[in-house]
Amino acid sequence: MAEPQETETVASVAALYLGNILFALERCALALESEGKPVDAGFYRGIARKLAEARGREKI
């Protein structure tokens, strides 16, 4: 039986697909705004902001 070369974690997968995740969060926020739910849209933009800021701190 072959041994796994690397164990995937939530963090490693999220880091790999961060751009896609940020895009999806913004699309979600835009849809919520069009439905008249600006507070909900802000919630998802807040999540995206925290992820982007954390990535920025990681690169330093």
PDB file of N, CA and C in Angstrom:
ATOM      1  N   MET A   1       0.844  -1.175   0.000  1.00  0.00           N
ATOM      2  CA  MET A   1       0.000   0.000   0.000  1.00  0.00           C
ATOM      3  C   MET A   1       0.890   1.239   0.000  1.00  0.00           C
ATOM      4  N   ALA A   2       0.593   2.183  -0.904  1.00  0.00           N
ATOM      5  CA  ALA A   2       1.392   3.406  -1.017  1.00  0.00           C
ATOM      6  C   ALA A   2       1.090   4.345   0.137  1.00  0.00           C
ATOM      7  N   GLU A   3       2.127   4.983   0.643  1.00  0.00           N
ATOM      8  CA  GLU A   3       1.954   5.950   1.728  1.00  0.00           C
ATOM      9  C   GLU A   3       1.694   7.326   1.144  1.00  0.00           C
ATOM     10  N   PRO A   4       0.813   8.095   1.791  1.00  0.00           N
ATOM     11  CA  PRO A   4       0.560   9.447   1.288  1.00  0.00           C
ATOM     12  C   PRO A   4       1.829  10.294   1.391  1.00  0.00           C
ATOM     13  N   GLN A   5       2.098  11.085   0.335  1.00  0.00           N
ATOM     14  CA  GLN A   5       3.292  11.900   0.331  1.00  0.00           C
ATOM     15  C   GLN A   5       3.160  13.104   1.253  1.00  0.00           C
ATOM     16  N   GLU A   6       1.979  13.676   1.328  1.00  0.00           N
ATOM     17  CA  GLU A   6       1.759  14.844   2.164  1.00  0.00           C
ATOM     18  C   GLU A   6       0.323  14.834   2.648  1.00  0.00           C
ATOM     19  N   THR A   7       0.120  15.151   3.889  1.00  0.00           N
ATOM     20  CA  THR A   7      -1.231  15.227   4.429  1.00  0.00           C
ATOM     21  C   THR A   7      -1.804  16.601   4.141  1.00  0.00           C
ATOM     22  N   GLU A   8      -2.947  16.633   3.464  1.00  0.00           N
ATOM     23  CA  GLU A   8      -3.602  17.903   3.197  1.00  0.00           C
ATOM     24  C   GLU A   8      -4.317  18.363   4.449  1.00  0.00           C
ATOM     25  N   THR A   9      -4.231  19.638   4.717  1.00  0.00           N
ATOM     26  CA  THR A   9      -4.957  20.245   5.817  1.00  0.00           C
ATOM     27  C   THR A   9      -5.899  21.300   5.253  1.00  0.00           C
ATOM     28  N   VAL A  10      -6.826  21.744   6.061  1.00  0.00           N
ATOM     29  CA  VAL A  10      -7.719  22.818   5.632  1.00  0.00           C
ATOM     30  C   VAL A  10      -6.883  24.038   5.248  1.00  0.00           C
ATOM     31  N   ALA A  11      -5.882  24.337   6.047  1.00  0.00           N
ATOM     32  CA  ALA A  11      -5.039  25.509   5.785  1.00  0.00           C
ATOM     33  C   ALA A  11      -4.293  25.381   4.463  1.00  0.00           C
ATOM     34  N   SER A  12      -3.764  24.214   4.161  1.00  0.00           N
ATOM     35  CA  SER A  12      -2.998  24.067   2.924  1.00  0.00           C
ATOM     36  C   SER A  12      -3.899  24.142   1.696  1.00  0.00           C
ATOM     37  N   VAL A  13      -5.076  23.573   1.780  1.00  0.00           N
ATOM     38  CA  VAL A  13      -6.013  23.641   0.657  1.00  0.00           C
ATOM     39  C   VAL A  13      -6.526  25.071   0.481  1.00  0.00           C
ATOM     40  N   ALA A  14      -6.866  25.737   1.592  1.00  0.00           N
ATOM     41  CA  ALA A  14      -7.345  27.121   1.519  1.00  0.00           C
ATOM     42  C   ALA A  14      -6.268  28.034   0.953  1.00  0.00           C
ATOM     43  N   ALA A  15      -5.016  27.818   1.340  1.00  0.00           N
ATOM     44  CA  ALA A  15      -3.926  28.643   0.812  1.00  0.00           C
ATOM     45  C   ALA A  15      -3.776  28.433  -0.692  1.00  0.00           C
ATOM     46  N   LEU A  16      -3.892  27.210  -1.138  1.00  0.00           N
ATOM     47  CA  LEU A  16      -3.757  26.894  -2.548  1.00  0.00           C
ATOM     48  C   LEU A  16      -4.842  27.568  -3.383  1.00  0.00           C
ATOM     49  N   TYR A  17      -6.065  27.583  -2.866  1.00  0.00           N
ATOM     50  CA  TYR A  17      -7.206  28.104  -3.610  1.00  0.00           C
ATOM     51  C   TYR A  17      -7.702  29.445  -3.094  1.00  0.00           C
ATOM     52  N   LEU A  18      -6.858  30.209  -2.413  1.00  0.00           N
ATOM     53  CA  LEU A  18      -7.307  31.452  -1.795  1.00  0.00           C
ATOM     54  C   LEU A  18      -7.909  32.421  -2.806  1.00  0.00           C
ATOM     55  N   GLY A  19      -7.296  32.579  -3.950  1.00  0.00           N
ATOM     56  CA  GLY A  19      -7.844  33.484  -4.964  1.00  0.00           C
ATOM     57  C   GLY A  19      -9.253  33.087  -5.369  1.00  0.00           C
ATOM     58  N   ASN A  20      -9.470  31.800  -5.567  1.00  0.00           N
ATOM     59  CA  ASN A  20     -10.797  31.305  -5.938  1.00  0.00           C
ATOM     60  C   ASN A  20     -11.808  31.530  -4.807  1.00  0.00           C
ATOM     61  N   ILE A  21     -11.366  31.335  -3.588  1.00  0.00           N
ATOM     62  CA  ILE A  21     -12.245  31.523  -2.436  1.00  0.00           C
ATOM     63  C   ILE A  21     -12.638  32.990  -2.316  1.00  0.00           C
ATOM     64  N   LEU A  22     -11.660  33.899  -2.470  1.00  0.00           N
ATOM     65  CA  LEU A  22     -11.951  35.332  -2.394  1.00  0.00           C
ATOM     66  C   LEU A  22     -12.912  35.744  -3.504  1.00  0.00           C
ATOM     67  N   PHE A  23     -12.719  35.218  -4.701  1.00  0.00           N
ATOM     68  CA  PHE A  23     -13.615  35.506  -5.810  1.00  0.00           C
ATOM     69  C   PHE A  23     -15.039  35.048  -5.489  1.00  0.00           C
ATOM     70  N   ALA A  24     -15.166  33.840  -4.981  1.00  0.00           N
ATOM     71  CA  ALA A  24     -16.487  33.292  -4.658  1.00  0.00           C
ATOM     72  C   ALA A  24     -17.168  34.093  -3.556  1.00  0.00           C
ATOM     73  N   LEU A  25     -16.407  34.525  -2.567  1.00  0.00           N
ATOM     74  CA  LEU A  25     -16.981  35.339  -1.492  1.00  0.00           C
ATOM     75  C   LEU A  25     -17.491  36.669  -2.029  1.00  0.00           C
ATOM     76  N   GLU A  26     -16.745  37.284  -2.953  1.00  0.00           N
ATOM     77  CA  GLU A  26     -17.202  38.546  -3.542  1.00  0.00           C
ATOM     78  C   GLU A  26     -18.439  38.343  -4.405  1.00  0.00           C
ATOM     79  N   ARG A  27     -18.481  37.250  -5.170  1.00  0.00           N
ATOM     80  CA  ARG A  27     -19.680  36.966  -5.962  1.00  0.00           C
ATOM     81  C   ARG A  27     -20.887  36.772  -5.054  1.00  0.00           C
ATOM     82  N   CYS A  28     -20.680  36.101  -3.943  1.00  0.00           N
ATOM     83  CA  CYS A  28     -21.750  35.907  -2.960  1.00  0.00           C
ATOM     84  C   CYS A  28     -22.218  37.262  -2.430  1.00  0.00           C
ATOM     85  N   ALA A  29     -21.258  38.120  -2.091  1.00  0.00           N
ATOM     86  CA  ALA A  29     -21.601  39.444  -1.571  1.00  0.00           C
ATOM     87  C   ALA A  29     -22.373  40.260  -2.603  1.00  0.00           C
ATOM     88  N   LEU A  30     -21.957  40.208  -3.861  1.00  0.00           N
ATOM     89  CA  LEU A  30     -22.672  40.932  -4.909  1.00  0.00           C
ATOM     90  C   LEU A  30     -24.109  40.429  -5.059  1.00  0.00           C
ATOM     91  N   ALA A  31     -24.277  39.121  -5.001  1.00  0.00           N
ATOM     92  CA  ALA A  31     -25.624  38.545  -5.102  1.00  0.00           C
ATOM     93  C   ALA A  31     -26.490  38.996  -3.930  1.00  0.00           C
ATOM     94  N   LEU A  32     -25.912  38.990  -2.743  1.00  0.00           N
ATOM     95  CA  LEU A  32     -26.679  39.418  -1.568  1.00  0.00           C
ATOM     96  C   LEU A  32     -27.056  40.896  -1.661  1.00  0.00           C
ATOM     97  N   GLU A  33     -26.148  41.718  -2.162  1.00  0.00           N
ATOM     98  CA  GLU A  33     -26.480  43.134  -2.352  1.00  0.00           C
ATOM     99  C   GLU A  33     -27.634  43.293  -3.323  1.00  0.00           C
ATOM    100  N   SER A  34     -27.623  42.523  -4.408  1.00  0.00           N
ATOM    101  CA  SER A  34     -28.697  42.628  -5.399  1.00  0.00           C
ATOM    102  C   SER A  34     -30.034  42.146  -4.830  1.00  0.00           C
ATOM    103  N   GLU A  35     -29.975  41.340  -3.777  1.00  0.00           N
ATOM    104  CA  GLU A  35     -31.191  40.871  -3.103  1.00  0.00           C
ATOM    105  C   GLU A  35     -31.614  41.820  -1.989  1.00  0.00           C
ATOM    106  N   GLY A  36     -30.899  42.925  -1.853  1.00  0.00           N
ATOM    107  CA  GLY A  36     -31.247  43.902  -0.820  1.00  0.00           C
ATOM    108  C   GLY A  36     -30.791  43.496   0.569  1.00  0.00           C
ATOM    109  N   LYS A  37     -29.691  42.767   0.658  1.00  0.00           N
ATOM    110  CA  LYS A  37     -29.183  42.300   1.946  1.00  0.00           C
ATOM    111  C   LYS A  37     -27.751  42.810   2.165  1.00  0.00           C
ATOM    112  N   PRO A  38     -27.602  44.130   2.331  1.00  0.00           N
ATOM    113  CA  PRO A  38     -26.251  44.692   2.460  1.00  0.00           C
ATOM    114  C   PRO A  38     -25.510  44.232   3.716  1.00  0.00           C
ATOM    115  N   VAL A  39     -26.220  43.964   4.786  1.00  0.00           N
ATOM    116  CA  VAL A  39     -25.556  43.499   6.009  1.00  0.00           C
ATOM    117  C   VAL A  39     -24.948  42.112   5.783  1.00  0.00           C
ATOM    118  N   ASP A  40     -25.699  41.239   5.137  1.00  0.00           N
ATOM    119  CA  ASP A  40     -25.178  39.903   4.830  1.00  0.00           C
ATOM    120  C   ASP A  40     -23.986  39.990   3.877  1.00  0.00           C
ATOM    121  N   ALA A  41     -24.079  40.881   2.876  1.00  0.00           N
ATOM    122  CA  ALA A  41     -22.972  41.066   1.935  1.00  0.00           C
ATOM    123  C   ALA A  41     -21.722  41.517   2.690  1.00  0.00           C
ATOM    124  N   GLY A  42     -21.888  42.431   3.618  1.00  0.00           N
ATOM    125  CA  GLY A  42     -20.763  42.909   4.415  1.00  0.00           C
ATOM    126  C   GLY A  42     -20.121  41.805   5.240  1.00  0.00           C
ATOM    127  N   PHE A  43     -20.931  40.883   5.717  1.00  0.00           N
ATOM    128  CA  PHE A  43     -20.408  39.756   6.490  1.00  0.00           C
ATOM    129  C   PHE A  43     -19.435  38.931   5.646  1.00  0.00           C
ATOM    130  N   TYR A  44     -19.833  38.611   4.408  1.00  0.00           N
ATOM    131  CA  TYR A  44     -18.977  37.802   3.542  1.00  0.00           C
ATOM    132  C   TYR A  44     -17.747  38.579   3.078  1.00  0.00           C
ATOM    133  N   ARG A  45     -17.906  39.880   2.869  1.00  0.00           N
ATOM    134  CA  ARG A  45     -16.733  40.699   2.533  1.00  0.00           C
ATOM    135  C   ARG A  45     -15.777  40.771   3.719  1.00  0.00           C
ATOM    136  N   GLY A  46     -16.313  40.757   4.916  1.00  0.00           N
ATOM    137  CA  GLY A  46     -15.466  40.737   6.102  1.00  0.00           C
ATOM    138  C   GLY A  46     -14.638  39.461   6.190  1.00  0.00           C
ATOM    139  N   ILE A  47     -15.240  38.349   5.861  1.00  0.00           N
ATOM    140  CA  ILE A  47     -14.503  37.082   5.838  1.00  0.00           C
ATOM    141  C   ILE A  47     -13.376  37.166   4.805  1.00  0.00           C
ATOM    142  N   ALA A  48     -13.694  37.674   3.621  1.00  0.00           N
ATOM    143  CA  ALA A  48     -12.683  37.796   2.561  1.00  0.00           C
ATOM    144  C   ALA A  48     -11.549  38.717   3.008  1.00  0.00           C
ATOM    145  N   ARG A  49     -11.896  39.814   3.661  1.00  0.00           N
ATOM    146  CA  ARG A  49     -10.878  40.759   4.132  1.00  0.00           C
ATOM    147  C   ARG A  49      -9.938  40.097   5.134  1.00  0.00           C
ATOM    148  N   LYS A  50     -10.504  39.347   6.066  1.00  0.00           N
ATOM    149  CA  LYS A  50      -9.673  38.665   7.063  1.00  0.00           C
ATOM    150  C   LYS A  50      -8.741  37.648   6.413  1.00  0.00           C
ATOM    151  N   LEU A  51      -9.241  36.909   5.434  1.00  0.00           N
ATOM    152  CA  LEU A  51      -8.402  35.941   4.724  1.00  0.00           C
ATOM    153  C   LEU A  51      -7.274  36.641   3.966  1.00  0.00           C
ATOM    154  N   ALA A  52      -7.604  37.735   3.267  1.00  0.00           N
ATOM    155  CA  ALA A  52      -6.598  38.466   2.499  1.00  0.00           C
ATOM    156  C   ALA A  52      -5.553  39.081   3.430  1.00  0.00           C
ATOM    157  N   GLU A  53      -5.986  39.625   4.541  1.00  0.00           N
ATOM    158  CA  GLU A  53      -5.039  40.213   5.494  1.00  0.00           C
ATOM    159  C   GLU A  53      -4.114  39.143   6.087  1.00  0.00           C
ATOM    160  N   ALA A  54      -4.679  37.993   6.397  1.00  0.00           N
ATOM    161  CA  ALA A  54      -3.869  36.907   6.950  1.00  0.00           C
ATOM    162  C   ALA A  54      -2.841  36.447   5.919  1.00  0.00           C
ATOM    163  N   ARG A  55      -3.221  36.389   4.658  1.00  0.00           N
ATOM    164  CA  ARG A  55      -2.273  35.997   3.601  1.00  0.00           C
ATOM    165  C   ARG A  55      -1.163  37.034   3.500  1.00  0.00           C
ATOM    166  N   GLY A  56      -1.512  38.309   3.600  1.00  0.00           N
ATOM    167  CA  GLY A  56      -0.517  39.367   3.540  1.00  0.00           C
ATOM    168  C   GLY A  56       0.494  39.275   4.665  1.00  0.00           C
ATOM    169  N   ARG A  57       0.029  38.951   5.858  1.00  0.00           N
ATOM    170  CA  ARG A  57       0.938  38.806   7.006  1.00  0.00           C
ATOM    171  C   ARG A  57       1.830  37.585   6.817  1.00  0.00           C
ATOM    172  N   GLU A  58       1.309  36.555   6.181  1.00  0.00           N
ATOM    173  CA  GLU A  58       2.070  35.326   5.959  1.00  0.00           C
ATOM    174  C   GLU A  58       3.243  35.546   5.010  1.00  0.00           C
ATOM    175  N   LYS A  59       3.101  36.432   4.047  1.00  0.00           N
ATOM    176  CA  LYS A  59       4.123  36.661   3.029  1.00  0.00           C
ATOM    177  C   LYS A  59       5.280  37.513   3.531  1.00  0.00           C
ATOM    178  N   ILE A  60       5.123  38.193   4.653  1.00  0.00           N
ATOM    179  CA  ILE A  60       6.184  39.085   5.169  1.00  0.00           C
ATOM    180  C   ILE A  60       7.366  38.312   5.673  1.00  0.00           C
TER     181      ILE A  60
END
